[in-house]
N, C-alpha and C. Protein backbone atom coordinates (compact mmCIF):
# COMPACT_ATOMS: atom_id res chain seq x y z
N MET A 1 7.30 -35.37 4.23
CA MET A 1 7.27 -34.03 4.76
C MET A 1 6.33 -33.98 5.95
N ALA A 2 6.84 -33.64 7.12
CA ALA A 2 6.03 -33.53 8.33
C ALA A 2 5.21 -32.25 8.29
N ASN A 3 4.06 -32.29 8.97
CA ASN A 3 3.24 -31.07 9.04
C ASN A 3 3.98 -29.99 9.80
N LYS A 4 4.27 -28.90 9.12
CA LYS A 4 4.93 -27.76 9.76
C LYS A 4 3.91 -26.83 10.37
N ILE A 5 2.69 -26.89 9.87
CA ILE A 5 1.63 -25.99 10.31
C ILE A 5 0.61 -26.82 11.10
N SER A 6 0.36 -26.42 12.32
CA SER A 6 -0.59 -27.16 13.16
C SER A 6 -2.02 -26.73 12.87
N ASP A 7 -2.97 -27.56 13.34
CA ASP A 7 -4.39 -27.21 13.21
C ASP A 7 -4.68 -25.91 13.94
N GLU A 8 -4.03 -25.72 15.10
CA GLU A 8 -4.25 -24.52 15.89
C GLU A 8 -3.80 -23.27 15.12
N THR A 9 -2.70 -23.40 14.40
CA THR A 9 -2.20 -22.27 13.63
C THR A 9 -3.18 -21.92 12.52
N ILE A 10 -3.70 -22.91 11.83
CA ILE A 10 -4.68 -22.67 10.77
C ILE A 10 -5.92 -21.99 11.35
N GLU A 11 -6.40 -22.49 12.49
CA GLU A 11 -7.56 -21.88 13.14
C GLU A 11 -7.27 -20.42 13.50
N TYR A 12 -6.09 -20.17 14.08
CA TYR A 12 -5.72 -18.83 14.51
C TYR A 12 -5.63 -17.88 13.33
N VAL A 13 -5.01 -18.30 12.25
CA VAL A 13 -4.91 -17.46 11.05
C VAL A 13 -6.30 -17.18 10.49
N GLY A 14 -7.17 -18.18 10.52
CA GLY A 14 -8.55 -17.98 10.07
C GLY A 14 -9.28 -16.94 10.91
N ILE A 15 -9.05 -16.99 12.23
CA ILE A 15 -9.68 -16.00 13.11
C ILE A 15 -9.14 -14.61 12.82
N LEU A 16 -7.81 -14.51 12.67
CA LEU A 16 -7.21 -13.20 12.38
C LEU A 16 -7.74 -12.62 11.08
N ALA A 17 -7.93 -13.50 10.08
CA ALA A 17 -8.40 -13.04 8.77
C ALA A 17 -9.93 -12.94 8.72
N LYS A 18 -10.58 -13.28 9.83
CA LYS A 18 -12.05 -13.26 9.91
C LYS A 18 -12.66 -14.14 8.82
N LEU A 19 -12.11 -15.36 8.71
CA LEU A 19 -12.60 -16.32 7.72
C LEU A 19 -13.16 -17.55 8.42
N GLU A 20 -14.23 -18.07 7.89
CA GLU A 20 -14.75 -19.36 8.34
C GLU A 20 -14.36 -20.37 7.27
N LEU A 21 -13.37 -21.20 7.58
CA LEU A 21 -12.84 -22.13 6.59
C LEU A 21 -13.45 -23.52 6.76
N SER A 22 -13.81 -24.11 5.64
CA SER A 22 -14.25 -25.50 5.67
C SER A 22 -13.02 -26.39 5.85
N GLU A 23 -13.23 -27.67 6.10
CA GLU A 23 -12.10 -28.60 6.28
C GLU A 23 -11.23 -28.66 5.03
N GLU A 24 -11.86 -28.63 3.85
CA GLU A 24 -11.10 -28.65 2.60
C GLU A 24 -10.26 -27.38 2.45
N GLU A 25 -10.85 -26.24 2.82
CA GLU A 25 -10.12 -24.97 2.74
C GLU A 25 -8.97 -24.93 3.74
N LYS A 26 -9.17 -25.54 4.92
CA LYS A 26 -8.10 -25.61 5.91
C LYS A 26 -6.94 -26.45 5.40
N LEU A 27 -7.26 -27.56 4.74
CA LEU A 27 -6.20 -28.41 4.17
C LEU A 27 -5.45 -27.67 3.06
N ALA A 28 -6.19 -26.96 2.23
CA ALA A 28 -5.56 -26.19 1.14
C ALA A 28 -4.69 -25.07 1.72
N ALA A 29 -5.19 -24.39 2.76
CA ALA A 29 -4.43 -23.31 3.38
C ALA A 29 -3.16 -23.87 4.01
N ARG A 30 -3.26 -25.02 4.68
CA ARG A 30 -2.09 -25.64 5.29
C ARG A 30 -1.06 -25.97 4.21
N SER A 31 -1.52 -26.54 3.12
CA SER A 31 -0.62 -26.90 2.02
C SER A 31 0.06 -25.65 1.45
N ASP A 32 -0.71 -24.60 1.23
CA ASP A 32 -0.14 -23.35 0.71
C ASP A 32 0.89 -22.77 1.67
N MET A 33 0.57 -22.75 2.96
CA MET A 33 1.50 -22.19 3.94
C MET A 33 2.79 -23.01 4.03
N GLU A 34 2.65 -24.32 3.95
CA GLU A 34 3.84 -25.18 4.00
C GLU A 34 4.72 -24.96 2.78
N ARG A 35 4.09 -24.78 1.62
CA ARG A 35 4.89 -24.48 0.41
C ARG A 35 5.60 -23.15 0.54
N MET A 36 4.92 -22.15 1.13
CA MET A 36 5.57 -20.85 1.35
C MET A 36 6.77 -21.00 2.28
N LEU A 37 6.61 -21.77 3.36
CA LEU A 37 7.71 -21.98 4.29
C LEU A 37 8.86 -22.72 3.62
N ASP A 38 8.54 -23.70 2.78
CA ASP A 38 9.59 -24.42 2.04
C ASP A 38 10.34 -23.45 1.12
N TYR A 39 9.61 -22.56 0.47
CA TYR A 39 10.25 -21.58 -0.41
C TYR A 39 11.16 -20.65 0.38
N ILE A 40 10.69 -20.22 1.54
CA ILE A 40 11.52 -19.36 2.40
C ILE A 40 12.77 -20.11 2.83
N ASP A 41 12.64 -21.39 3.16
CA ASP A 41 13.81 -22.20 3.50
C ASP A 41 14.80 -22.24 2.34
N THR A 42 14.27 -22.37 1.12
CA THR A 42 15.13 -22.38 -0.07
C THR A 42 15.85 -21.04 -0.21
N LEU A 43 15.14 -19.96 0.00
CA LEU A 43 15.76 -18.63 -0.08
C LEU A 43 16.83 -18.45 1.00
N ASN A 44 16.59 -19.02 2.18
CA ASN A 44 17.57 -18.90 3.26
C ASN A 44 18.87 -19.63 2.95
N GLU A 45 18.84 -20.56 2.00
CA GLU A 45 20.05 -21.29 1.62
C GLU A 45 20.96 -20.47 0.71
N LEU A 46 20.43 -19.40 0.13
CA LEU A 46 21.22 -18.59 -0.79
C LEU A 46 22.34 -17.87 -0.07
N ASP A 47 23.49 -17.77 -0.74
CA ASP A 47 24.62 -17.03 -0.19
C ASP A 47 24.44 -15.55 -0.53
N THR A 48 24.18 -14.74 0.49
CA THR A 48 23.98 -13.31 0.28
C THR A 48 25.15 -12.49 0.83
N GLU A 49 26.27 -13.14 1.07
CA GLU A 49 27.45 -12.45 1.58
C GLU A 49 27.90 -11.39 0.57
N GLY A 50 28.08 -10.18 1.03
CA GLY A 50 28.53 -9.10 0.16
C GLY A 50 27.43 -8.45 -0.66
N ILE A 51 26.19 -8.89 -0.48
CA ILE A 51 25.07 -8.29 -1.21
C ILE A 51 24.47 -7.19 -0.35
N GLU A 52 24.40 -5.98 -0.91
CA GLU A 52 23.87 -4.85 -0.16
C GLU A 52 22.34 -4.94 -0.07
N PRO A 53 21.78 -4.74 1.12
CA PRO A 53 20.32 -4.76 1.25
C PRO A 53 19.70 -3.65 0.42
N MET A 54 18.47 -3.90 -0.07
CA MET A 54 17.79 -2.88 -0.86
C MET A 54 16.30 -2.90 -0.51
N SER A 55 15.66 -1.80 -0.77
CA SER A 55 14.22 -1.72 -0.51
C SER A 55 13.42 -1.83 -1.80
N HIS A 56 14.08 -1.74 -2.95
CA HIS A 56 13.39 -1.78 -4.22
C HIS A 56 14.36 -2.35 -5.26
N VAL A 57 13.83 -3.07 -6.25
CA VAL A 57 14.70 -3.67 -7.25
C VAL A 57 15.25 -2.65 -8.24
N PHE A 58 14.56 -1.53 -8.40
CA PHE A 58 15.03 -0.48 -9.29
C PHE A 58 15.55 0.69 -8.46
N PRO A 59 16.50 1.45 -8.98
CA PRO A 59 16.93 2.63 -8.22
C PRO A 59 15.77 3.62 -8.11
N VAL A 60 15.55 4.10 -6.91
CA VAL A 60 14.44 5.03 -6.68
C VAL A 60 15.02 6.42 -6.49
N ASN A 61 14.61 7.32 -7.35
CA ASN A 61 15.07 8.70 -7.28
C ASN A 61 13.87 9.62 -7.13
N ASN A 62 14.10 10.77 -6.54
CA ASN A 62 13.04 11.76 -6.42
C ASN A 62 12.73 12.31 -7.80
N VAL A 63 11.50 12.13 -8.24
CA VAL A 63 11.11 12.59 -9.58
C VAL A 63 10.33 13.90 -9.54
N PHE A 64 10.23 14.49 -8.34
CA PHE A 64 9.49 15.73 -8.21
C PHE A 64 10.37 16.92 -8.59
N ARG A 65 9.75 17.92 -9.16
CA ARG A 65 10.48 19.12 -9.53
C ARG A 65 10.57 20.03 -8.30
N GLU A 66 11.43 21.00 -8.39
CA GLU A 66 11.53 21.99 -7.33
C GLU A 66 10.24 22.79 -7.29
N ASP A 67 9.80 23.17 -6.11
CA ASP A 67 8.58 23.94 -5.94
C ASP A 67 8.93 25.42 -6.04
N VAL A 68 8.94 25.93 -7.27
CA VAL A 68 9.34 27.31 -7.52
C VAL A 68 8.18 28.02 -8.21
N VAL A 69 7.82 29.20 -7.70
CA VAL A 69 6.77 30.00 -8.33
C VAL A 69 7.34 30.60 -9.59
N THR A 70 6.66 30.37 -10.72
CA THR A 70 7.17 30.88 -11.99
C THR A 70 6.31 31.97 -12.59
N ASN A 71 5.03 32.01 -12.23
CA ASN A 71 4.16 32.98 -12.88
C ASN A 71 3.36 33.83 -11.89
N GLY A 72 3.77 33.89 -10.66
CA GLY A 72 3.07 34.73 -9.68
C GLY A 72 1.77 34.12 -9.23
N ASP A 73 1.06 34.86 -8.44
CA ASP A 73 -0.15 34.31 -7.83
C ASP A 73 -1.35 34.35 -8.78
N GLY A 74 -1.52 35.37 -9.57
CA GLY A 74 -2.59 35.40 -10.59
C GLY A 74 -3.99 35.48 -10.03
N SER A 75 -4.14 35.73 -8.73
CA SER A 75 -5.48 35.70 -8.15
C SER A 75 -6.36 36.83 -8.68
N LYS A 76 -5.79 38.01 -8.92
CA LYS A 76 -6.60 39.12 -9.44
C LYS A 76 -7.15 38.79 -10.82
N ASP A 77 -6.31 38.21 -11.67
CA ASP A 77 -6.78 37.82 -13.01
C ASP A 77 -7.83 36.72 -12.92
N THR A 78 -7.65 35.80 -11.99
CA THR A 78 -8.62 34.72 -11.82
C THR A 78 -9.95 35.26 -11.34
N LEU A 79 -9.92 36.19 -10.39
CA LEU A 79 -11.16 36.75 -9.85
C LEU A 79 -11.92 37.59 -10.87
N LYS A 80 -11.25 38.07 -11.92
CA LYS A 80 -11.93 38.83 -12.96
C LYS A 80 -13.01 37.98 -13.62
N ASN A 81 -12.84 36.67 -13.63
CA ASN A 81 -13.80 35.76 -14.25
C ASN A 81 -14.94 35.35 -13.32
N ALA A 82 -14.86 35.73 -12.06
CA ALA A 82 -15.87 35.31 -11.08
C ALA A 82 -17.15 36.11 -11.27
N PRO A 83 -18.31 35.45 -11.35
CA PRO A 83 -19.56 36.19 -11.45
C PRO A 83 -19.84 37.00 -10.18
N LEU A 84 -19.47 36.46 -9.01
CA LEU A 84 -19.66 37.17 -7.75
C LEU A 84 -18.37 37.07 -6.94
N GLN A 85 -18.03 38.19 -6.27
CA GLN A 85 -16.83 38.21 -5.43
C GLN A 85 -17.17 38.78 -4.07
N LYS A 86 -16.41 38.36 -3.07
CA LYS A 86 -16.55 38.93 -1.74
C LYS A 86 -15.20 38.82 -1.05
N GLU A 87 -14.63 39.92 -0.64
CA GLU A 87 -13.36 39.99 0.06
C GLU A 87 -12.27 39.22 -0.69
N GLN A 88 -12.13 39.51 -1.96
CA GLN A 88 -11.12 38.92 -2.83
C GLN A 88 -11.22 37.39 -2.89
N CYS A 89 -12.45 36.86 -2.83
CA CYS A 89 -12.70 35.42 -2.95
C CYS A 89 -13.90 35.22 -3.87
N PHE A 90 -14.05 34.01 -4.40
CA PHE A 90 -15.24 33.66 -5.14
C PHE A 90 -16.40 33.59 -4.17
N LYS A 91 -17.55 34.14 -4.57
CA LYS A 91 -18.75 34.01 -3.75
C LYS A 91 -19.65 33.01 -4.47
N VAL A 92 -20.05 31.97 -3.74
CA VAL A 92 -20.87 30.92 -4.34
C VAL A 92 -22.14 30.74 -3.51
N PRO A 93 -23.17 30.14 -4.11
CA PRO A 93 -24.41 29.93 -3.36
C PRO A 93 -24.17 28.97 -2.18
N LYS A 94 -24.92 29.19 -1.13
CA LYS A 94 -24.85 28.32 0.05
C LYS A 94 -25.38 26.94 -0.34
N THR A 95 -24.64 25.90 0.03
CA THR A 95 -25.06 24.55 -0.35
C THR A 95 -25.54 23.71 0.83
N ILE A 96 -25.26 24.15 2.05
CA ILE A 96 -25.71 23.42 3.24
C ILE A 96 -26.72 24.28 3.97
N GLY A 97 -27.86 23.68 4.32
CA GLY A 97 -28.92 24.44 4.95
C GLY A 97 -28.80 24.58 6.44
């Protein structure tokens, strides 16, 4: 198996990732990258004719409910519990000096 990944590529990827790699780490990274490329080559050999592209392995459906008001605004009832009110809002102590 010929080297598919050059020393310059390893250096460049290290710079992009902001990594300082030792020589052993560079060899390991090269080996890992070459195995990834080999795997991609294997995947490219698969016959995908007639296979519809997908973005997810499971069907993705909208699971959100309709945004419908069911019980009104309730602000007057909520404000009844407020110890202090001002202009139909909760009044709270100032927290920033």
